Protein backbone atom coordinates (compact mmCIF):
# COMPACT_ATOMS: atom_id res chain seq x y z
CA SER A 1 23.71 57.18 -11.32
CA LYS A 2 20.02 56.94 -11.05
CA LYS A 3 18.18 53.30 -11.81
CA ALA A 4 17.22 52.62 -14.56
CA LYS A 5 13.86 50.85 -13.83
CA ASN A 6 12.34 50.24 -17.15
CA VAL A 7 15.56 48.52 -18.90
CA SER A 8 15.59 45.01 -18.62
CA ALA A 9 18.72 42.43 -18.03
CA SER A 10 17.71 41.21 -21.71
CA ASP A 11 17.81 44.91 -23.30
CA HIS A 12 21.34 45.89 -21.70
CA VAL A 13 22.41 42.38 -23.41
CA LYS A 14 21.16 43.73 -26.91
CA GLN A 15 23.41 47.36 -26.13
CA TYR A 16 26.70 45.02 -26.09
CA PRO A 17 28.36 43.07 -28.47
CA LEU A 18 27.32 39.43 -29.02
CA GLY A 19 28.67 37.19 -26.58
CA VAL A 20 29.91 39.05 -23.99
CA LEU A 21 26.56 39.37 -21.93
CA TYR A 22 23.90 36.80 -21.31
CA SER A 23 20.89 37.17 -19.07
CA ASP A 24 18.58 34.71 -17.40
CA GLY A 25 15.42 34.57 -14.65
CA GLY A 26 15.75 38.54 -15.22
CA LYS A 27 19.31 38.49 -13.60
CA LEU A 28 22.61 39.59 -15.89
CA PHE A 29 25.34 38.02 -16.27
CA CYS A 30 29.06 38.29 -17.88
CA THR A 31 29.97 35.68 -20.07
CA HIS A 32 33.40 35.50 -19.89
CA CYS A 33 32.94 36.03 -15.74
CA ASN A 34 30.07 34.12 -14.85
CA VAL A 35 28.98 36.44 -12.23
CA THR A 36 25.79 38.63 -12.02
CA VAL A 37 26.29 42.11 -13.17
CA ASP A 38 23.96 45.18 -11.78
CA HIS A 39 21.87 46.03 -14.40
CA TYR A 40 19.89 48.68 -13.18
CA ARG A 41 23.17 50.84 -13.61
CA LYS A 42 24.46 51.14 -16.97
CA SER A 43 27.83 52.27 -15.52
CA CYS A 44 28.14 49.37 -13.48
CA VAL A 45 28.19 47.33 -16.42
CA ASP A 46 30.64 49.51 -17.90
CA ARG A 47 32.73 49.69 -14.99
CA HIS A 48 32.97 45.52 -14.93
CA LEU A 49 33.36 45.33 -18.29
CA ASP A 50 36.61 47.84 -18.58
CA SER A 51 38.15 46.08 -15.17
CA LYS A 52 41.50 44.75 -15.15
CA ARG A 53 40.32 41.62 -13.90
CA LYS A 54 37.47 41.05 -16.62
CA VAL A 55 40.36 41.30 -19.26
CA GLU A 56 42.10 38.71 -17.92
CA ILE A 57 39.49 36.04 -17.72
CA GLN A 58 38.68 37.13 -21.21
CA ASN A 59 42.02 36.40 -22.41
CA THR A 60 42.31 33.18 -20.55
CA THR A 61 38.63 31.84 -21.77
CA ALA A 62 38.88 33.20 -25.38
CA ASN A 63 39.53 29.80 -26.87
CA ASP A 64 37.14 27.76 -24.44
CA SER A 65 34.12 27.02 -26.35
CA LEU A 66 32.83 25.02 -23.32
CA ALA A 67 32.51 27.78 -20.95
CA LYS A 68 29.49 27.21 -19.06
CA LYS A 69 26.93 29.81 -18.37
CA GLN A 70 25.36 30.22 -14.96
CA LYS A 71 21.79 29.36 -14.61
CA ILE A 72 19.54 30.80 -11.38
CA VAL A 73 17.72 27.97 -9.47
CA THR A 74 14.54 28.55 -11.13
CA SER A 75 15.43 28.17 -14.37
CA LEU A 76 17.15 24.97 -13.66
CA PHE A 77 13.81 23.69 -12.40
CA GLN A 78 11.61 24.97 -15.09
CA LYS A 79 14.21 23.36 -17.39
CA SER A 80 13.65 19.87 -15.30
CA THR A 81 9.87 20.79 -15.65
CA LYS A 82 9.98 20.56 -19.48
CA ASN A 83 11.80 17.01 -19.72
CA CYS A 84 9.09 15.80 -17.54
CA GLU A 85 11.73 15.48 -14.93
CA ASN A 86 10.90 15.53 -11.24
CA PHE A 87 12.30 18.06 -9.05
CA GLU A 88 15.05 16.71 -7.38
CA LEU A 89 14.50 18.41 -3.70
CA THR A 90 10.54 18.41 -3.64
CA GLU A 91 10.95 14.61 -4.78
CA VAL A 92 13.23 13.51 -2.36
CA PHE A 93 11.26 15.47 0.56
CA VAL A 94 7.96 14.28 -0.36
CA CYS A 95 8.98 10.75 -1.01
CA ALA A 96 10.52 10.62 2.63
CA ASN A 97 7.61 12.56 3.90
CA ILE A 98 9.64 15.11 5.09
CA PRO A 99 7.83 18.76 5.66
CA LEU A 100 8.91 21.22 3.00
CA LYS A 101 10.02 23.40 5.87
CA MET A 102 12.70 25.72 3.84
CA ASP A 103 12.13 28.74 6.16
CA ASN A 104 14.02 27.06 9.03
CA LYS A 105 16.83 28.77 10.05
CA LYS A 106 18.97 25.81 10.97
CA LEU A 107 18.13 24.08 7.17
CA ARG A 108 18.58 27.29 5.90
CA GLU A 109 22.16 27.97 7.37
CA PHE A 110 23.15 24.30 6.74
CA LEU A 111 22.05 24.21 3.15
CA ARG A 112 23.69 27.76 2.50
CA TRP A 113 27.46 26.51 4.19
CA HIS A 114 27.13 22.66 2.64
CA VAL A 115 25.23 22.90 -0.46
CA THR A 116 26.19 24.61 -3.59
CA ASN A 117 23.71 27.42 -4.22
CA GLY A 118 21.86 26.35 -1.28
CA GLY A 119 20.97 30.10 -0.26
CA ALA A 120 19.10 30.08 -3.65
CA ILE A 121 16.64 27.29 -2.87
CA PRO A 122 13.05 28.17 -2.91
CA SER A 123 10.95 29.00 0.19
CA SER A 124 8.50 26.86 1.27
CA ALA A 125 5.66 28.17 0.15
CA GLN A 126 7.23 28.83 -3.57
CA LEU A 127 7.90 24.91 -3.26
CA ARG A 128 4.37 23.84 -1.98
CA GLN A 129 2.50 26.48 -4.61
CA GLU A 130 4.74 25.90 -7.58
CA TYR A 131 7.03 22.80 -7.57
CA LEU A 132 4.71 20.16 -5.59
CA PRO A 133 1.60 20.68 -8.36
CA LYS A 134 4.24 20.02 -11.14
CA VAL A 135 5.82 17.02 -9.42
CA ALA A 136 2.83 15.56 -9.05
CA GLU A 137 1.78 16.07 -12.77
CA CYS A 138 4.78 14.54 -14.04
CA HIS A 139 4.06 11.78 -11.49
CA LYS A 140 0.43 11.43 -13.04
CA GLN A 141 1.56 11.66 -16.65
CA GLU A 142 3.92 8.52 -15.55
CA ILE A 143 1.05 6.84 -14.17
CA MET A 144 -1.50 7.76 -17.52
CA GLU A 145 2.30 6.36 -19.37
CA LEU A 146 1.97 2.74 -17.61
CA ILE A 147 -1.78 2.18 -18.13
CA LYS A 148 -1.16 2.80 -21.89
CA ARG A 149 1.37 0.23 -21.24
CA SER A 150 -0.25 -2.43 -19.15
CA GLY A 151 -3.14 -2.46 -21.27
CA CYS A 152 -5.57 -4.13 -18.57
CA LEU A 153 -5.72 -2.95 -15.28
CA SER A 154 -7.40 -3.88 -11.91
CA VAL A 155 -8.99 -1.19 -9.47
CA VAL A 156 -8.80 -1.34 -5.95
CA THR A 157 -10.75 1.04 -3.70
CA ASP A 158 -11.27 1.42 -0.01
CA VAL A 159 -13.12 4.22 1.97
CA SER A 160 -11.44 5.50 5.40
CA THR A 161 -12.09 8.59 7.78
CA ASP A 162 -9.42 10.79 8.62
CA SER A 163 -8.76 12.39 12.09
CA GLN A 164 -11.63 15.61 10.69
CA ASP A 165 -13.68 12.98 10.25
CA GLN A 166 -13.69 13.54 6.38
CA TYR A 167 -14.65 10.37 4.66
CA VAL A 168 -11.72 9.44 1.70
CA LEU A 169 -12.10 7.19 -1.13
CA HIS A 170 -8.85 5.73 -2.29
CA ILE A 171 -8.43 4.59 -5.67
CA LEU A 172 -5.46 2.06 -6.88
CA PHE A 173 -4.48 0.69 -10.19
CA CYS A 174 -2.96 -2.55 -10.36
CA LYS A 175 -1.60 -3.36 -14.01
CA ALA A 176 -1.06 -6.41 -15.95
CA TYR A 177 2.39 -8.67 -15.36
CA THR A 178 4.88 -8.16 -18.21
CA SER A 179 7.89 -10.29 -16.91
CA ASP A 180 7.85 -9.91 -13.23
CA SER A 181 5.97 -12.42 -11.22
CA GLU A 182 5.31 -9.62 -8.58
CA LEU A 183 1.97 -7.03 -9.64
CA LYS A 184 2.48 -3.32 -9.81
CA VAL A 185 0.07 -1.27 -7.70
CA VAL A 186 0.23 2.62 -7.77
CA LEU A 187 -2.29 4.84 -5.93
CA ALA A 188 -3.82 6.92 -8.41
CA ASP A 189 -6.15 9.46 -6.47
CA THR A 190 -7.48 9.85 -2.83
CA MET A 191 -10.88 11.80 -3.31
CA TYR A 192 -13.07 13.11 -0.54
CA LEU A 193 -16.88 12.39 -0.29
CA HIS A 194 -19.39 14.41 1.17
CA ALA A 195 -21.37 10.97 1.63
CA VAL A 196 -20.78 7.40 1.61
CA ASN A 197 -23.14 5.60 -0.32
CA TYR A 198 -23.43 3.83 -4.02
CA ASN A 199 -23.98 7.10 -5.84
CA THR A 200 -21.07 9.13 -4.57
CA ILE A 201 -18.74 5.76 -4.85
CA SER A 202 -19.28 4.56 -8.52
CA GLN A 203 -19.38 8.69 -9.72
CA THR A 204 -15.90 9.18 -8.21
CA ILE A 205 -14.43 6.13 -9.34
CA VAL A 206 -15.74 7.08 -12.93
CA LYS A 207 -14.47 10.65 -12.79
CA CYS A 208 -11.12 9.36 -11.76
CA LEU A 209 -11.01 6.58 -14.71
CA LYS A 210 -11.59 9.68 -17.01
CA LYS A 211 -9.20 11.82 -15.51
CA PHE A 212 -6.50 9.27 -15.96
CA GLY A 213 -7.97 8.34 -19.94
CA VAL A 214 -8.41 4.95 -18.70
CA ASP A 215 -10.22 2.83 -21.18
CA PHE A 216 -13.36 1.20 -19.66
CA ASN A 217 -13.29 -2.12 -21.67
CA ASN A 218 -9.66 -2.37 -19.99
CA ILE A 219 -10.85 -2.89 -16.47
CA SER A 220 -10.48 -6.73 -15.59
CA THR A 221 -11.66 -6.36 -12.04
CA PHE A 222 -13.15 -4.24 -9.60
CA ILE A 223 -11.83 -4.61 -5.79
CA SER A 224 -13.16 -3.82 -3.03
CA ASP A 225 -14.12 -4.39 0.90
CA ASN A 226 -17.80 -6.22 1.46
CA ALA A 227 -19.29 -3.30 2.53
CA THR A 228 -22.70 -3.17 1.09
CA TYR A 229 -22.37 0.14 -0.69
CA MET A 230 -19.78 -0.93 -2.81
CA SER A 231 -21.54 -4.17 -3.73
CA LYS A 232 -24.15 -1.51 -4.90
CA ALA A 233 -21.80 0.55 -6.61
CA TYR A 234 -20.99 -2.17 -8.66
CA ASN A 235 -24.08 -4.19 -9.33
CA GLN A 236 -26.16 -1.03 -10.14
CA VAL A 237 -23.77 1.21 -11.98
CA LEU A 238 -20.27 0.04 -12.72
CA GLN A 239 -21.11 -3.08 -13.81
CA GLY A 240 -22.51 -1.54 -16.98
CA LEU A 241 -19.57 0.48 -17.56
CA LEU A 242 -16.93 -1.98 -17.00
CA LEU A 243 -18.14 -4.62 -19.19
CA ASN A 244 -14.98 -7.04 -19.25
CA SER A 245 -14.67 -6.86 -14.80
CA VAL A 246 -15.84 -8.55 -12.29
CA HIS A 247 -16.50 -8.05 -8.70
CA LEU A 248 -13.99 -9.27 -6.20
CA THR A 249 -14.26 -8.79 -2.51
CA CYS A 250 -10.50 -8.94 -0.49
CA ASN A 251 -10.09 -12.64 0.28
CA ALA A 252 -7.88 -11.97 3.07
CA HIS A 253 -10.59 -9.75 4.63
CA ILE A 254 -13.12 -12.53 4.60
CA VAL A 255 -10.52 -14.81 6.25
CA ALA A 256 -9.55 -12.58 9.01
CA LEU A 257 -13.83 -12.43 9.49
CA ALA A 258 -13.15 -15.96 9.97
CA SER A 259 -10.49 -15.95 12.45
CA ASP A 260 -12.38 -13.75 14.83
CA ILE A 261 -14.65 -16.71 15.59
CA TRP A 262 -11.62 -18.00 17.77
CA ARG A 263 -11.38 -14.75 19.58
CA ALA A 264 -15.19 -14.63 20.35
CA ASN A 265 -15.22 -18.80 21.38
CA PHE A 266 -12.78 -18.17 23.94
CA PRO A 267 -13.13 -14.94 26.02
CA LYS A 268 -10.96 -15.86 28.71
CA VAL A 269 -8.21 -16.00 26.47
CA ASP A 270 -9.10 -12.73 24.84
CA LYS A 271 -9.40 -11.12 28.27
CA LEU A 272 -5.79 -12.20 29.22
CA ILE A 273 -4.65 -10.51 26.32
CA ALA A 274 -5.70 -7.39 27.45
CA VAL A 275 -3.26 -7.64 30.05
CA LYS A 276 -1.25 -4.65 28.53
CA LYS A 277 -4.01 -2.41 29.13
CA VAL A 278 -3.86 -3.37 33.30
CA PHE A 279 -0.57 -1.20 33.11
CA LYS A 280 -1.80 1.50 30.73
CA TYR A 281 -1.37 4.30 33.24
CA CYS A 282 1.39 2.83 35.35
CA PRO A 283 4.55 2.84 33.35
CA SER A 284 6.26 1.38 36.51
CA LYS A 285 4.38 -1.86 36.21
CA LYS A 286 5.03 -2.27 33.06
CA LEU A 287 8.83 -2.41 33.95
CA CYS A 288 7.94 -4.30 36.97
CA PHE A 289 6.21 -6.89 34.64
CA LYS A 290 9.11 -6.95 32.34
CA GLU A 291 11.87 -7.43 34.59
CA HIS A 292 10.05 -10.07 36.47
CA LEU A 293 9.83 -11.99 33.48
CA GLN A 294 13.05 -11.87 32.37
CA SER A 295 14.53 -12.89 35.47
CA ALA A 296 12.09 -16.00 35.42
CA VAL A 297 13.27 -16.82 32.10
CA GLN A 298 16.70 -16.85 33.32
CA ALA A 299 16.16 -19.18 36.16
CA VAL A 300 15.05 -21.41 34.17
CA GLY A 301 18.26 -21.51 31.98
CA SER A 302 17.26 -19.23 28.88
CA ASN A 303 18.76 -16.22 27.24
CA LEU A 304 15.74 -15.02 25.58
CA HIS A 305 15.23 -11.44 25.73
CA VAL A 306 11.75 -10.72 27.18
CA LYS A 307 9.66 -7.61 25.21
CA LEU A 308 6.27 -6.29 26.49
CA PRO A 309 3.08 -8.37 25.30
CA PRO A 310 2.07 -7.19 22.05
CA GLU A 311 -1.11 -5.32 21.98
CA PRO A 312 -3.74 -6.37 19.36
CA VAL A 313 -4.92 -4.08 16.93
CA LYS A 314 -8.18 -4.81 15.04
CA ALA A 315 -7.17 -3.42 11.91
CA ARG A 316 -4.03 -5.63 11.52
CA TRP A 317 -5.24 -8.94 11.05
CA GLY A 318 -2.93 -12.05 12.86
CA SER A 319 -2.23 -9.56 15.39
CA TRP A 320 -4.67 -11.20 18.20
CA TYR A 321 -2.57 -14.86 16.84
CA ALA A 322 0.73 -13.08 17.58
CA ALA A 323 -0.70 -11.88 21.22
CA THR A 324 -1.51 -15.75 21.86
CA GLU A 325 1.81 -17.04 20.85
CA TYR A 326 3.73 -14.61 23.38
CA HIS A 327 1.26 -15.56 26.34
CA ALA A 328 1.45 -19.28 25.66
CA GLN A 329 5.09 -18.77 26.10
CA TYR A 330 4.77 -16.96 29.35
CA ILE A 331 2.10 -17.37 31.20
CA THR A 332 3.47 -19.92 33.91
CA PHE A 333 5.32 -17.02 35.27
CA TYR A 334 2.36 -14.73 35.43
CA PRO A 335 0.53 -16.01 38.88
CA THR A 336 3.96 -15.06 41.00
CA PHE A 337 3.97 -11.99 39.47
CA VAL A 338 0.64 -11.26 40.53
CA GLU A 339 0.46 -12.41 44.11
CA GLU A 340 3.70 -10.17 44.39
CA GLU A 341 1.69 -7.13 42.86
CA MET A 342 -1.21 -7.75 45.31
CA GLU A 343 0.83 -7.70 48.13
CA ILE A 344 1.84 -3.80 47.15
CA THR A 345 -1.62 -3.15 46.04
CA PRO A 346 -3.82 -5.56 47.34
CA ASN A 347 -7.26 -3.90 46.18
CA THR A 348 -6.50 -3.14 42.32
CA GLN A 349 -9.66 -4.26 40.49
CA VAL A 350 -7.63 -5.10 37.77
CA LEU A 351 -5.07 -7.30 39.49
CA ASN A 352 -8.23 -8.71 41.04
CA GLU A 353 -9.74 -9.79 38.03
CA LEU A 354 -6.52 -10.83 36.38
CA LYS A 355 -5.88 -13.48 39.50
CA TYR A 356 -9.11 -14.61 38.92
CA LEU A 357 -8.03 -15.42 35.38
CA LEU A 358 -4.83 -17.25 36.51
CA ASP A 359 -6.54 -19.40 38.98
CA ASN A 360 -7.17 -21.81 36.24
CA SER A 361 -3.86 -21.06 34.83
CA GLU A 362 -3.66 -24.58 33.30
CA THR A 363 -7.09 -24.31 31.24
CA LEU A 364 -5.64 -21.05 29.93
CA GLN A 365 -2.46 -22.80 28.80
CA VAL A 366 -4.03 -25.20 26.77
CA GLN A 367 -6.59 -22.85 25.25
CA LEU A 368 -3.45 -20.66 24.13
CA ASN A 369 -1.91 -23.55 22.97
CA LEU A 370 -4.47 -25.07 20.48
CA ILE A 371 -4.94 -21.47 19.33
CA THR A 372 -1.80 -21.04 18.52
CA ARG A 373 -1.55 -24.20 16.85
CA TYR A 374 -4.74 -24.44 14.95
CA GLY A 375 -5.29 -20.60 14.47
CA LYS A 376 -1.71 -20.78 12.86
CA GLU A 377 -3.54 -22.05 9.74
CA LEU A 378 -5.78 -19.17 9.34
CA VAL A 379 -3.04 -16.19 10.03
CA ASP A 380 -0.56 -18.06 7.14
CA LEU A 381 -3.75 -18.07 4.57
CA ILE A 382 -3.99 -14.43 5.64
CA LYS A 383 -0.45 -13.63 4.84
CA TRP A 384 -0.12 -15.87 1.63
CA LEU A 385 -3.20 -13.72 0.56
CA GLU A 386 -1.89 -10.23 1.23
CA SER A 387 1.17 -11.07 -1.24
CA ARG A 388 1.30 -9.12 -4.42
CA GLU A 389 2.29 -12.12 -6.38
CA ILE A 390 0.55 -13.56 -9.02
CA ARG A 391 -1.70 -16.13 -7.01
CA VAL A 392 -5.13 -15.50 -7.98
CA HIS A 393 -5.27 -19.10 -9.73
CA GLN A 394 -4.85 -20.92 -6.34
CA ALA A 395 -6.99 -18.35 -4.04
CA TYR A 396 -9.87 -20.88 -4.44
CA ASN A 397 -7.83 -23.97 -3.74
CA LYS A 398 -6.02 -22.54 -0.84
CA VAL A 399 -9.40 -21.86 0.74
CA VAL A 400 -10.87 -25.06 0.47
CA ASP A 401 -7.67 -26.80 1.92
CA LEU A 402 -8.31 -24.74 4.64
CA ILE A 403 -12.17 -25.90 5.16
CA ASN A 404 -11.02 -29.48 4.53
CA THR A 405 -8.66 -29.48 7.13
CA TYR A 406 -10.84 -28.00 9.62
CA GLU A 407 -13.56 -30.58 8.50
CA ALA A 408 -11.21 -33.35 9.50
CA LEU A 409 -10.15 -31.91 12.73
CA LYS A 410 -13.58 -31.91 14.07
CA GLU A 411 -12.97 -35.41 14.39
CA GLU A 412 -9.73 -35.50 15.99
CA GLN A 413 -9.53 -35.65 19.70
CA LEU A 414 -7.50 -32.44 20.53
CA THR A 415 -7.63 -32.69 24.15
CA GLY A 416 -8.68 -34.56 27.40
CA ASP A 417 -10.82 -31.48 28.48
CA THR A 418 -14.36 -31.77 27.16
CA GLY A 419 -15.12 -28.30 27.44
CA ILE A 420 -12.35 -27.14 25.71
CA GLN A 421 -12.93 -29.93 23.06
CA ASN A 422 -16.24 -28.85 22.12
CA LYS A 423 -15.28 -25.28 21.84
CA CYS A 424 -12.93 -26.28 19.26
CA ILE A 425 -15.49 -28.19 17.49
CA LYS A 426 -17.90 -25.40 17.41
CA THR A 427 -15.11 -22.96 16.43
CA PHE A 428 -14.05 -25.42 13.51
CA THR A 429 -17.56 -25.63 12.52
CA GLU A 430 -18.28 -22.21 12.65
CA VAL A 431 -15.35 -21.14 10.52
CA VAL A 432 -15.92 -23.70 7.84
CA ASP A 433 -19.89 -22.69 7.43
CA LYS A 434 -18.63 -19.05 7.10
CA LEU A 435 -15.96 -20.00 4.91
CA THR A 436 -18.14 -22.04 3.01
CA SER A 437 -21.22 -19.15 2.63
CA TYR A 438 -18.44 -16.97 0.89
CA TYR A 439 -16.64 -19.57 -1.34
CA ASN A 440 -19.85 -22.04 -2.06
CA PRO A 441 -23.07 -20.16 -1.33
CA ASP A 442 -25.33 -22.64 -2.92
CA SER A 443 -24.84 -25.18 -0.20
CA SER A 444 -25.87 -23.01 2.52
CA GLU A 445 -28.88 -19.99 2.91
CA ARG A 446 -27.00 -16.94 3.87
CA THR A 447 -27.47 -13.76 2.18
CA SER A 448 -25.79 -12.64 -1.28
CA ARG A 449 -23.90 -10.21 1.30
CA SER A 450 -22.30 -12.97 2.89
CA THR A 451 -20.61 -14.60 -0.72
CA GLN A 452 -17.78 -13.93 -2.47
CA PRO A 453 -19.08 -12.04 -5.48
CA ALA A 454 -16.25 -13.60 -7.86
CA HIS A 455 -16.48 -16.99 -6.28
CA GLN A 456 -17.13 -18.68 -9.90
CA PHE A 457 -14.67 -16.64 -11.42
CA LEU A 458 -12.11 -18.01 -8.50
CA LYS A 459 -12.82 -21.49 -9.38
CA ALA A 460 -12.81 -21.03 -13.25
CA VAL A 461 -9.29 -18.85 -13.53
CA SER A 462 -7.67 -21.84 -12.11
CA GLN A 463 -7.55 -23.52 -15.62
CA PHE A 464 -5.13 -20.78 -16.32
CA ASP A 465 -2.41 -22.57 -14.64
CA PRO A 466 -0.98 -25.53 -16.09
CA LYS A 467 -0.08 -27.13 -13.18
CA GLN A 468 -3.75 -27.56 -12.38
CA VAL A 469 -5.60 -27.84 -15.90
CA CYS A 470 -4.54 -31.43 -16.26
CA THR A 471 -6.57 -32.42 -13.24
CA LEU A 472 -9.51 -30.26 -13.72
CA ASN A 473 -12.83 -31.31 -15.57
CA LEU A 474 -12.73 -28.35 -18.05
CA ASN A 475 -16.80 -29.61 -18.69
CA THR A 476 -17.88 -28.54 -15.20
CA LEU A 477 -16.04 -25.04 -14.96
CA LEU A 478 -18.41 -22.08 -14.85
CA LEU A 479 -16.01 -21.07 -17.58
CA ASP A 480 -19.02 -18.07 -18.23
CA SER A 481 -17.81 -16.27 -15.16
CA ILE A 482 -14.64 -15.37 -17.00
CA PRO A 483 -15.46 -12.19 -19.00
CA GLY A 484 -14.49 -12.72 -22.66
CA PHE A 485 -14.75 -16.54 -22.79
CA ASN A 486 -16.30 -17.24 -25.94
CA ARG A 487 -16.57 -19.82 -28.78
CA SER A 488 -12.97 -19.53 -29.65
CA CYS A 489 -11.71 -19.90 -26.24
CA LYS A 490 -13.47 -23.06 -25.99
CA THR A 491 -12.35 -24.35 -29.49
CA GLU A 492 -8.96 -23.95 -27.92
CA LEU A 493 -9.36 -25.66 -24.62
CA GLU A 494 -8.66 -28.88 -25.90
CA CYS A 495 -5.83 -27.90 -27.31
CA TYR A 496 -4.62 -25.93 -24.68
CA TRP A 497 -5.19 -28.95 -22.40
CA PHE A 498 -3.06 -31.58 -24.98
CA HIS A 499 -0.16 -28.85 -24.99
CA VAL A 500 0.18 -28.82 -21.08
CA CYS A 501 0.82 -32.31 -21.10
CA GLU A 502 3.77 -31.93 -23.51
CA CYS A 503 5.17 -28.74 -22.72
CA ASN A 504 7.95 -28.11 -20.29
CA SER A 505 6.18 -28.08 -16.23
CA GLU A 506 9.75 -26.13 -15.23
CA LEU A 507 8.63 -23.42 -16.85
CA SER A 508 7.01 -20.14 -14.73
CA LEU A 509 3.34 -19.15 -15.44
CA THR A 510 4.64 -16.07 -17.15
CA ALA A 511 6.89 -17.63 -19.13
CA PHE A 512 4.73 -20.58 -19.95
CA TRP A 513 1.87 -18.11 -21.26
CA ARG A 514 4.04 -15.76 -23.49
CA SER A 515 5.51 -19.41 -25.33
CA ALA A 516 1.88 -20.07 -25.80
CA GLU A 517 0.72 -17.34 -27.54
CA THR A 518 0.84 -17.95 -30.95
CA CYS A 519 -0.86 -21.61 -30.08
CA PHE A 520 -3.71 -20.24 -28.80
CA PRO A 521 -3.59 -16.22 -28.61
CA ASN A 522 -7.33 -16.09 -27.28
CA ILE A 523 -6.57 -17.79 -23.99
CA ALA A 524 -3.71 -16.64 -23.46
CA ASN A 525 -4.96 -12.81 -23.83
CA LEU A 526 -7.43 -13.90 -20.75
CA ALA A 527 -5.02 -15.35 -19.24
CA GLU A 528 -2.75 -12.16 -19.28
CA GLN A 529 -5.81 -10.15 -18.09
CA TYR A 530 -7.23 -12.27 -15.42
CA LEU A 531 -3.96 -13.70 -13.90
CA SER A 532 -2.93 -9.87 -13.06
CA VAL A 533 -6.01 -9.65 -10.42
CA VAL A 534 -4.60 -8.97 -7.24
CA PRO A 535 -6.65 -11.29 -4.94
CA ASN A 536 -6.83 -8.58 -2.35
CA SER A 537 -7.62 -4.85 -1.20
CA VAL A 538 -4.40 -4.98 1.18
CA ASP A 539 -3.25 -2.40 -0.77
CA ALA A 540 -6.09 0.22 -0.49
CA LYS A 541 -5.35 -0.38 3.40
CA ARG A 542 -1.54 0.50 3.11
CA SER A 543 -2.84 3.69 1.19
CA VAL A 544 -5.13 4.66 3.95
CA SER A 545 -1.87 4.18 6.23
CA ALA A 546 0.28 6.34 4.17
CA TYR A 547 -2.57 8.98 4.36
CA GLY A 548 -2.69 8.68 8.22
CA GLN A 549 1.29 9.47 8.21
CA VAL A 550 1.17 12.32 6.32
CA PHE A 551 -2.20 14.12 7.73
CA THR A 552 -0.65 14.40 10.73
CA ALA A 553 -1.75 17.08 13.47
CA GLN A 554 0.96 20.04 12.04
CA ARG A 555 -0.99 19.53 8.36
CA GLN A 556 -4.57 19.96 9.47
CA THR A 557 -4.81 23.16 7.34
CA MET A 558 -3.35 22.03 4.53
CA LYS A 559 -5.35 22.21 1.35
CA GLU A 560 -7.07 19.17 0.09
CA GLU A 561 -5.05 18.99 -2.97
CA GLN A 562 -1.83 19.20 -1.72
CA LEU A 563 -2.70 16.26 1.19
CA ASN A 564 -3.69 14.71 -2.04
CA GLN A 565 -0.51 15.20 -3.86
CA LEU A 566 1.86 14.43 -0.87
CA THR A 567 -0.02 11.05 -0.54
CA MET A 568 0.31 9.87 -3.88
CA LEU A 569 3.89 10.42 -4.01
CA ASN A 570 4.89 9.17 -0.74
CA PHE A 571 2.81 5.96 -0.87
CA ASN A 572 3.96 4.85 -4.76
CA SER A 573 7.51 5.69 -3.91
CA LYS A 574 7.45 2.60 -1.58
CA THR A 575 5.72 0.41 -4.35
């Protein structure tokens, strides 16, 4: 018989008694057998209904009111979308940064044999074009719901360039704390800029805030690096829109800038740390170097497993100090290795340079030990500031403690070598001056670009710490630097001071302010808003890294919208 091209599966359902057949996704199913039937030919439908096997199944399931109806994969995905649930397959692949290559022959074969209805999984193009946008939209709705629940937010931003030299602005939201001591950070958007200046930055941020329905009055902090265009974007545009906000530059980045002074003042150590580059084009020398160190370590009775020296990465704060620790541990074994290699290849320039450095290895050893010991203070502070825990109320004190530590070290005799002693004193002085210019600019003549714009805010926010408030002179705090600190807050301040002296000091910071909401609601409201400020933009750097992992050489032709969706889902799955 001929095919009825104009008769659909739903039309055939109407031609037979109710409950005999049903349609889904353009296919015709037998209710009792739960199998597909050819709906193009009515004779095929009749033959199936009259078959002996069909009658037996119908008698078996006649009283079964719970008989399941089969659904096609597409309809299951559509149902999931209606309920705002992510499509599991797409979500898992995207979050794990696995390419949606469902057309791969081996993968198709595996899914068909080991996954129920695996052969019906949509193609790669269908997953990217139809399901990925819906998964991303569901995730966007979750972020918008999170924004509504959190009340106040911090906006964290950073600009990067990708492998195609495109400017990419990463915008993240940090929500206010609830019962947790760790802050929640989500990547809201990665947006492409045709140029980087204060106009494009401010316009893009405003567009993103509107896209997610963020109330401008609920923005407590704008966090960025110390770039001029970021400061200008806030001072000339965003400050007038985000009335309850302060501009805070990344504290971890400021301390990292100060830590570079050690590197600049000890150039020979810096040249030694580049020793791994000596073997960059000669893997066999790397192996010889490692084997030499391993045998030397074993000769002195140690079972320590030796690795190759770490190579510092400028964008990875603290990696240079990790390299100094390595070389301080093994430098005594370097001269013999260089001598052995020069016997084989005597005219190698890099080996000659390394030999020249190691001719005075004892001095290098002293310098490495001093950097490892006193540079560690800076590295520890950077790691402390990189945390997502509620720490903004302690950030200023931590920096001041480091300044005081270095001030005291300037008066100590650290080594008998006058040259090295003077270098250390110079380093301590320059680190103190640099940090002071950022956190106490009144005492320096540096330009405004070399300051922490929120230094007064960081001082004042320490009053929200009940463990500090008793030791502070509240009259001298620059309370006006906290947006929203009005007369009502000032009248509650004295009550707050007396309450702290009587309350249980064992309470956590979040628990204390939850218990104090009824006593002084105005201060408690500000505390919830500004204690939720993350004192760094490290998560923006992590977003840049996630973008680089998604935008690989195999995805250079991917559309910007899809790349944005993949980055957002991948980054937020880890937070």
